[in-house]
Amino acid sequence: MPKYHRLAGPKVSRTVLGTLFIVVAGTVLSIGLFVLVTVAATLAGRPEGADGVPSFGELADLALVFLMIAALLPATLVAARAIQQRPAGTLASVTGRLRWRWLLTCLGVAAVAIVLLLGGGTALASATGVDAELDPADLVGWGPFLASMAVLLLVVPPQAAAEEFVTRGWLLQAVGSWCRRPWLPIAVQAVIFAALHGWGTPWGFADLLLFGVVAGWLTVRTGGLEAAIALHVANNLLGSVAAAAFGELGTDETAADMPWQFMVVDVVVLTAYAWVVLRLARRAGVAFESCIDPLDRVDFPTQSNIDAQLESELPLAGQRIDLPSR
């Protein structure tokens, strides 16, 4: 029975064509969304933002960026179904669907892990003389904070899921269709994942690379994207809490700009998260292999085939029928 990274099937041409489709379709959807929002802001008479484009504000701009990334999700699902001609759900897991109960279990573990990362990283940064630059006088208040969190709750999950479906899903399986062992697919998608976030600090790039490796390894070992999606959602959502509280959602800094203190703590946190998730997966009996081999061709019966079979089994006019004797 094939493991997760082998579910794309052996057709290299379909994989290449599907990858091109994801890039083109995702770009078109993203640009279309950007143009639509920009036109709406212009018609509403909104002032220009920092980039010289009419804007509904920092929160709306952040939501737009997340939704532009989320546009890759439907493009990836269509590529799997229409171009690779396989169930789109095989991108989610070996069962052909997203296992929601397992996802929620992983989300609880991931939330604890990210809280430990933020707390531990902040404490280590403070201990090494790095000022967090968080002044209580800069708090935005409950109203703006809750409004920001409401928007983030709507846009962060699809954004994080889209990145996982593209990297740990499509890319991992695309390279995995050529490799029986999972380590090369895991490494390739991790490098691409880190590179797509840009170059900030060496520590930030190394942490993104480690995140990609751990998430890819968990995807193969648990047979699906749930553990990776949970970790990504928790990381992006909880990481935005402080920024929303202090009105810093418009900052240009990303995970690629992470200082070494947070990277050191994250090594421990990611290792612990992987260990806990694997133990829970074994205890819950989470499937990590598919019962359908992508190398096997499945021919579904058509109405013409059924009619032809029935006609071949019916007696012709005047033909003698020998009934079985008792």
Protein backbone atom coordinates (compact mmCIF):
# COMPACT_ATOMS: atom_id res chain seq x y z
CA MET A 1 0.00 0.00 0.00
CA PRO A 2 1.47 3.39 -1.01
CA LYS A 3 2.37 6.05 1.51
CA TYR A 4 1.33 9.67 1.28
CA HIS A 5 4.26 10.91 -0.78
CA ARG A 6 3.52 8.34 -3.52
CA LEU A 7 -0.13 9.24 -4.14
CA ALA A 8 0.39 11.53 -7.16
CA GLY A 9 0.97 8.62 -9.54
CA PRO A 10 3.72 8.07 -12.13
CA LYS A 11 2.63 10.51 -14.88
CA VAL A 12 5.43 13.11 -14.97
CA SER A 13 3.77 15.14 -17.73
CA ARG A 14 0.60 15.57 -15.68
CA THR A 15 2.61 16.65 -12.65
CA VAL A 16 4.52 19.27 -14.64
CA LEU A 17 1.35 20.53 -16.32
CA GLY A 18 -0.44 20.64 -12.98
CA THR A 19 2.38 22.64 -11.41
CA LEU A 20 2.23 25.19 -14.23
CA PHE A 21 -1.54 25.38 -13.84
CA ILE A 22 -1.24 26.09 -10.10
CA VAL A 23 1.26 28.89 -10.72
CA VAL A 24 -0.78 30.50 -13.51
CA ALA A 25 -4.22 30.03 -11.94
CA GLY A 26 -3.02 31.14 -8.52
CA THR A 27 -1.43 34.25 -10.01
CA VAL A 28 -4.54 35.13 -12.02
CA LEU A 29 -6.82 34.68 -9.01
CA SER A 30 -4.52 36.71 -6.77
CA ILE A 31 -4.21 39.58 -9.25
CA GLY A 32 -7.95 39.53 -9.88
CA LEU A 33 -8.65 39.74 -6.15
CA PHE A 34 -6.17 42.59 -5.74
CA VAL A 35 -7.67 44.55 -8.65
CA LEU A 36 -11.20 43.99 -7.35
CA VAL A 37 -10.37 45.32 -3.87
CA THR A 38 -8.33 48.22 -5.27
CA VAL A 39 -11.18 49.30 -7.56
CA ALA A 40 -13.62 49.07 -4.65
CA ALA A 41 -11.32 51.20 -2.47
CA THR A 42 -10.95 53.75 -5.28
CA LEU A 43 -14.71 54.00 -5.82
CA ALA A 44 -15.19 54.37 -2.07
CA GLY A 45 -12.78 57.29 -2.04
CA ARG A 46 -10.34 55.62 0.32
CA PRO A 47 -6.93 57.24 0.89
CA GLU A 48 -3.75 55.72 -0.48
CA GLY A 49 -1.75 53.34 1.68
CA ALA A 50 2.01 53.10 2.12
CA ASP A 51 2.36 51.53 -1.34
CA GLY A 52 0.50 54.36 -3.07
CA VAL A 53 -2.64 52.28 -3.75
CA PRO A 54 -6.10 53.14 -2.36
CA SER A 55 -6.63 51.02 0.74
CA PHE A 56 -9.29 50.12 3.29
CA GLY A 57 -6.64 50.17 6.02
CA GLU A 58 -3.84 48.01 7.44
CA LEU A 59 -6.16 45.23 8.61
CA ALA A 60 -7.86 45.00 5.22
CA ASP A 61 -4.49 45.01 3.46
CA LEU A 62 -3.28 42.12 5.63
CA ALA A 63 -6.49 40.19 4.99
CA LEU A 64 -6.06 40.78 1.26
CA VAL A 65 -2.52 39.37 1.33
CA PHE A 66 -3.73 36.26 3.17
CA LEU A 67 -6.62 35.77 0.74
CA MET A 68 -4.31 36.15 -2.25
CA ILE A 69 -2.24 33.28 -0.85
CA ALA A 70 -5.40 31.30 -0.10
CA ALA A 71 -6.28 31.51 -3.80
CA LEU A 72 -3.68 28.79 -4.37
CA LEU A 73 -5.87 26.27 -2.53
CA PRO A 74 -8.65 25.87 -5.13
CA ALA A 75 -6.06 25.97 -7.91
CA THR A 76 -4.19 23.07 -6.30
CA LEU A 77 -7.33 20.99 -5.79
CA VAL A 78 -8.40 21.53 -9.41
CA ALA A 79 -4.94 20.53 -10.65
CA ALA A 80 -5.10 17.24 -8.75
CA ARG A 81 -8.62 16.39 -9.92
CA ALA A 82 -8.66 17.65 -13.49
CA ILE A 83 -5.03 17.31 -14.59
CA GLN A 84 -3.65 14.43 -12.54
CA GLN A 85 -7.10 12.77 -12.70
CA ARG A 86 -7.18 11.62 -9.11
CA PRO A 87 -9.42 12.53 -6.16
CA ALA A 88 -8.47 15.98 -4.89
CA GLY A 89 -8.82 14.63 -1.37
CA THR A 90 -5.68 12.54 -1.81
CA LEU A 91 -3.77 15.79 -1.34
CA ALA A 92 -5.27 16.00 2.15
CA SER A 93 -4.55 12.47 3.37
CA VAL A 94 -4.24 8.82 2.43
CA THR A 95 -7.95 8.39 3.22
CA GLY A 96 -8.90 10.81 0.45
CA ARG A 97 -10.25 13.48 2.80
CA LEU A 98 -9.25 15.84 5.57
CA ARG A 99 -9.56 14.03 8.91
CA TRP A 100 -11.20 16.76 10.97
CA ARG A 101 -11.09 15.04 14.35
CA TRP A 102 -7.38 14.39 13.96
CA LEU A 103 -6.87 17.98 12.77
CA LEU A 104 -8.54 19.37 15.90
CA THR A 105 -6.41 17.09 18.08
CA CYS A 106 -3.26 18.38 16.42
CA LEU A 107 -4.51 21.96 16.69
CA GLY A 108 -4.69 21.69 20.47
CA VAL A 109 -1.12 20.40 20.65
CA ALA A 110 0.05 23.06 18.19
CA ALA A 111 -1.52 25.87 20.22
CA VAL A 112 0.42 24.81 23.31
CA ALA A 113 3.60 24.50 21.25
CA ILE A 114 3.33 28.01 19.79
CA VAL A 115 2.55 29.55 23.18
CA LEU A 116 5.72 27.92 24.52
CA LEU A 117 7.65 29.21 21.50
CA LEU A 118 6.46 32.79 21.95
CA GLY A 119 6.99 32.76 25.70
CA GLY A 120 10.34 31.00 25.56
CA GLY A 121 11.64 33.09 22.68
CA THR A 122 10.64 36.34 24.37
CA ALA A 123 12.22 35.26 27.65
CA LEU A 124 15.48 34.23 25.97
CA ALA A 125 15.59 37.46 23.98
CA SER A 126 15.10 39.48 27.15
CA ALA A 127 17.76 37.46 28.97
CA THR A 128 20.26 38.15 26.18
CA GLY A 129 19.63 41.89 26.24
CA VAL A 130 17.17 42.24 23.36
CA ASP A 131 14.37 44.73 24.07
CA ALA A 132 10.94 43.48 23.05
CA GLU A 133 9.88 47.11 22.44
CA LEU A 134 6.34 46.45 23.69
CA ASP A 135 5.03 49.47 25.60
CA PRO A 136 1.68 48.97 27.40
CA ALA A 137 0.83 52.53 26.42
CA ASP A 138 0.70 51.37 22.77
CA LEU A 139 -2.14 48.88 23.34
CA VAL A 140 -4.95 49.53 20.87
CA GLY A 141 -7.82 48.60 23.20
CA TRP A 142 -10.32 45.75 23.22
CA GLY A 143 -12.46 47.01 20.34
CA PRO A 144 -9.77 47.21 17.64
CA PHE A 145 -8.06 44.09 19.01
CA LEU A 146 -11.20 41.94 18.83
CA ALA A 147 -11.99 43.28 15.36
CA SER A 148 -8.50 42.33 14.20
CA MET A 149 -8.75 38.85 15.69
CA ALA A 150 -12.16 38.30 14.08
CA VAL A 151 -10.70 39.06 10.66
CA LEU A 152 -7.60 36.96 11.30
CA LEU A 153 -9.74 33.99 12.35
CA LEU A 154 -11.42 34.15 8.94
CA VAL A 155 -8.36 34.56 6.72
CA VAL A 156 -5.47 32.81 8.50
CA PRO A 157 -6.79 29.19 8.34
CA PRO A 158 -7.34 29.18 4.54
CA GLN A 159 -4.02 30.97 4.00
CA ALA A 160 -2.10 28.45 6.11
CA ALA A 161 -3.99 25.52 4.58
CA ALA A 162 -3.20 26.78 1.07
CA GLU A 163 0.52 26.90 1.82
CA GLU A 164 0.37 23.36 3.21
CA PHE A 165 -1.60 21.96 0.27
CA VAL A 166 0.92 23.48 -2.14
CA THR A 167 4.16 22.56 -0.32
CA ARG A 168 3.54 19.54 1.91
CA GLY A 169 0.77 18.41 -0.44
CA TRP A 170 1.43 19.04 -4.12
CA LEU A 171 5.22 19.50 -4.09
CA LEU A 172 5.86 16.62 -1.69
CA GLN A 173 3.77 14.24 -3.79
CA ALA A 174 5.14 15.60 -7.08
CA VAL A 175 8.73 14.79 -6.11
CA GLY A 176 7.54 11.65 -4.33
CA SER A 177 6.14 10.28 -7.58
CA TRP A 178 9.78 9.82 -8.67
CA CYS A 179 11.19 8.65 -5.31
CA ARG A 180 10.26 5.68 -3.19
CA ARG A 181 12.00 7.12 -0.13
CA PRO A 182 10.39 10.24 1.37
CA TRP A 183 13.52 12.17 2.36
CA LEU A 184 14.23 13.86 -0.99
CA PRO A 185 10.61 15.03 -1.40
CA ILE A 186 10.64 16.33 2.18
CA ALA A 187 13.91 18.21 1.60
CA VAL A 188 12.85 19.72 -1.74
CA GLN A 189 9.55 21.08 -0.50
CA ALA A 190 11.19 22.42 2.68
CA VAL A 191 13.76 24.41 0.68
CA ILE A 192 11.07 25.81 -1.62
CA PHE A 193 8.87 26.66 1.37
CA ALA A 194 11.68 28.58 3.06
CA ALA A 195 12.69 30.33 -0.16
CA LEU A 196 9.12 31.51 -0.85
CA HIS A 197 9.17 33.42 2.45
CA GLY A 198 12.16 35.46 1.31
CA TRP A 199 15.56 36.00 2.90
CA GLY A 200 15.55 37.85 6.21
CA THR A 201 18.13 36.55 8.65
CA PRO A 202 20.11 33.29 8.47
CA TRP A 203 18.29 32.21 11.64
CA GLY A 204 14.92 32.94 10.12
CA PHE A 205 15.70 30.97 6.96
CA ALA A 206 17.05 28.07 9.02
CA ASP A 207 13.91 28.05 11.15
CA LEU A 208 11.64 28.04 8.10
CA LEU A 209 13.70 25.19 6.67
CA LEU A 210 13.36 23.24 9.92
CA PHE A 211 9.62 23.93 10.00
CA GLY A 212 9.30 22.58 6.46
CA VAL A 213 11.26 19.43 7.27
CA VAL A 214 9.30 18.67 10.45
CA ALA A 215 5.95 19.40 8.81
CA GLY A 216 6.86 17.27 5.78
CA TRP A 217 8.06 14.39 7.93
CA LEU A 218 4.88 14.49 10.03
CA THR A 219 2.81 14.55 6.84
CA VAL A 220 4.40 11.33 5.61
CA ARG A 221 4.41 9.62 9.01
CA THR A 222 0.76 10.45 9.77
CA GLY A 223 -0.46 10.05 6.19
CA GLY A 224 -1.91 13.54 5.83
CA LEU A 225 -1.62 17.30 6.13
CA GLU A 226 -3.53 17.68 9.40
CA ALA A 227 -0.53 17.98 11.74
CA ALA A 228 1.19 20.46 9.40
CA ILE A 229 -1.94 22.56 8.89
CA ALA A 230 -2.58 22.70 12.65
CA LEU A 231 0.97 23.86 13.38
CA HIS A 232 0.88 26.44 10.59
CA VAL A 233 -2.50 27.87 11.62
CA ALA A 234 -1.50 28.07 15.29
CA ASN A 235 1.82 29.69 14.42
CA ASN A 236 0.33 32.36 12.17
CA LEU A 237 -2.73 33.04 14.32
CA LEU A 238 -1.12 33.18 17.75
CA GLY A 239 1.88 35.00 16.33
CA SER A 240 -0.51 37.75 15.23
CA VAL A 241 -2.01 38.24 18.69
CA ALA A 242 0.72 40.55 19.99
CA ALA A 243 0.86 42.41 16.68
CA ALA A 244 -2.91 42.97 16.79
CA ALA A 245 -2.81 44.07 20.43
CA PHE A 246 -0.14 46.70 19.76
CA GLY A 247 -1.41 47.75 16.33
CA GLU A 248 1.57 46.29 14.47
CA LEU A 249 -0.27 44.18 11.90
CA GLY A 250 1.07 46.39 9.13
CA THR A 251 4.70 45.49 9.82
CA ASP A 252 6.79 44.06 6.98
CA GLU A 253 8.59 41.56 9.22
CA THR A 254 7.88 37.86 8.65
CA ALA A 255 9.11 34.54 10.00
CA ALA A 256 12.14 34.99 7.75
CA ASP A 257 13.26 37.84 10.02
CA MET A 258 13.28 35.68 13.16
CA PRO A 259 16.17 36.33 15.60
CA TRP A 260 18.38 33.50 16.80
CA GLN A 261 16.74 33.39 20.24
CA PHE A 262 13.41 32.30 18.79
CA MET A 263 15.11 29.85 16.43
CA VAL A 264 16.87 28.13 19.34
CA VAL A 265 13.59 27.76 21.24
CA ASP A 266 11.77 26.63 18.09
CA VAL A 267 14.16 23.71 17.60
CA VAL A 268 13.04 22.32 20.96
CA VAL A 269 9.38 23.16 20.39
CA LEU A 270 9.20 21.59 16.91
CA THR A 271 10.95 18.45 18.13
CA ALA A 272 8.54 18.14 21.05
CA TYR A 273 5.53 18.77 18.80
CA ALA A 274 6.59 16.04 16.39
CA TRP A 275 7.15 13.57 19.24
CA VAL A 276 3.75 14.26 20.83
CA VAL A 277 1.88 14.12 17.52
CA LEU A 278 3.45 10.79 16.55
CA ARG A 279 2.56 9.27 19.91
CA LEU A 280 -1.02 10.48 19.59
CA ALA A 281 -1.20 9.18 16.01
CA ARG A 282 -0.11 5.70 17.09
CA ARG A 283 -2.55 5.71 19.99
CA ALA A 284 -5.43 6.85 17.77
CA GLY A 285 -4.55 4.42 14.98
CA VAL A 286 -4.25 7.18 12.38
CA ALA A 287 -3.86 5.68 8.89
CA PHE A 288 -0.56 6.48 7.19
CA GLU A 289 -0.92 4.30 4.07
CA SER A 290 -3.52 4.37 1.31
CA CYS A 291 -5.59 1.34 0.39
CA ILE A 292 -5.54 2.44 -3.29
CA ASP A 293 -2.38 2.15 -5.37
CA PRO A 294 -2.04 5.12 -7.76
CA LEU A 295 -0.27 2.81 -10.22
CA ASP A 296 -3.44 0.75 -10.59
CA ARG A 297 -5.87 1.92 -13.26
CA VAL A 298 -9.48 1.87 -12.16
CA ASP A 299 -11.99 1.62 -15.05
CA PHE A 300 -15.44 2.66 -13.89
CA PRO A 301 -18.37 1.03 -15.74
CA THR A 302 -20.18 3.20 -18.30
CA GLN A 303 -23.77 2.77 -19.47
CA SER A 304 -22.62 1.59 -22.91
CA ASN A 305 -20.42 -1.09 -21.34
CA ILE A 306 -23.29 -2.26 -19.14
CA ASP A 307 -25.70 -2.44 -22.11
CA ALA A 308 -23.16 -4.38 -24.18
CA GLN A 309 -22.64 -6.87 -21.37
CA LEU A 310 -26.38 -7.38 -20.92
CA GLU A 311 -26.87 -7.92 -24.66
CA SER A 312 -24.14 -10.55 -24.73
CA GLU A 313 -25.83 -12.44 -21.92
CA LEU A 314 -29.37 -12.36 -23.39
CA PRO A 315 -30.44 -15.26 -25.70
CA LEU A 316 -31.00 -14.53 -29.39
CA ALA A 317 -34.43 -15.03 -31.03
CA GLY A 318 -35.07 -18.72 -31.69
CA GLN A 319 -32.13 -19.77 -29.54
CA ARG A 320 -32.75 -22.79 -27.33
CA ILE A 321 -32.46 -22.20 -23.62
CA ASP A 322 -31.41 -25.18 -21.48
CA LEU A 323 -32.81 -24.78 -18.01
CA PRO A 324 -30.92 -26.48 -15.21
CA SER A 325 -32.50 -29.73 -14.01
CA ARG A 326 -33.38 -30.27 -10.41
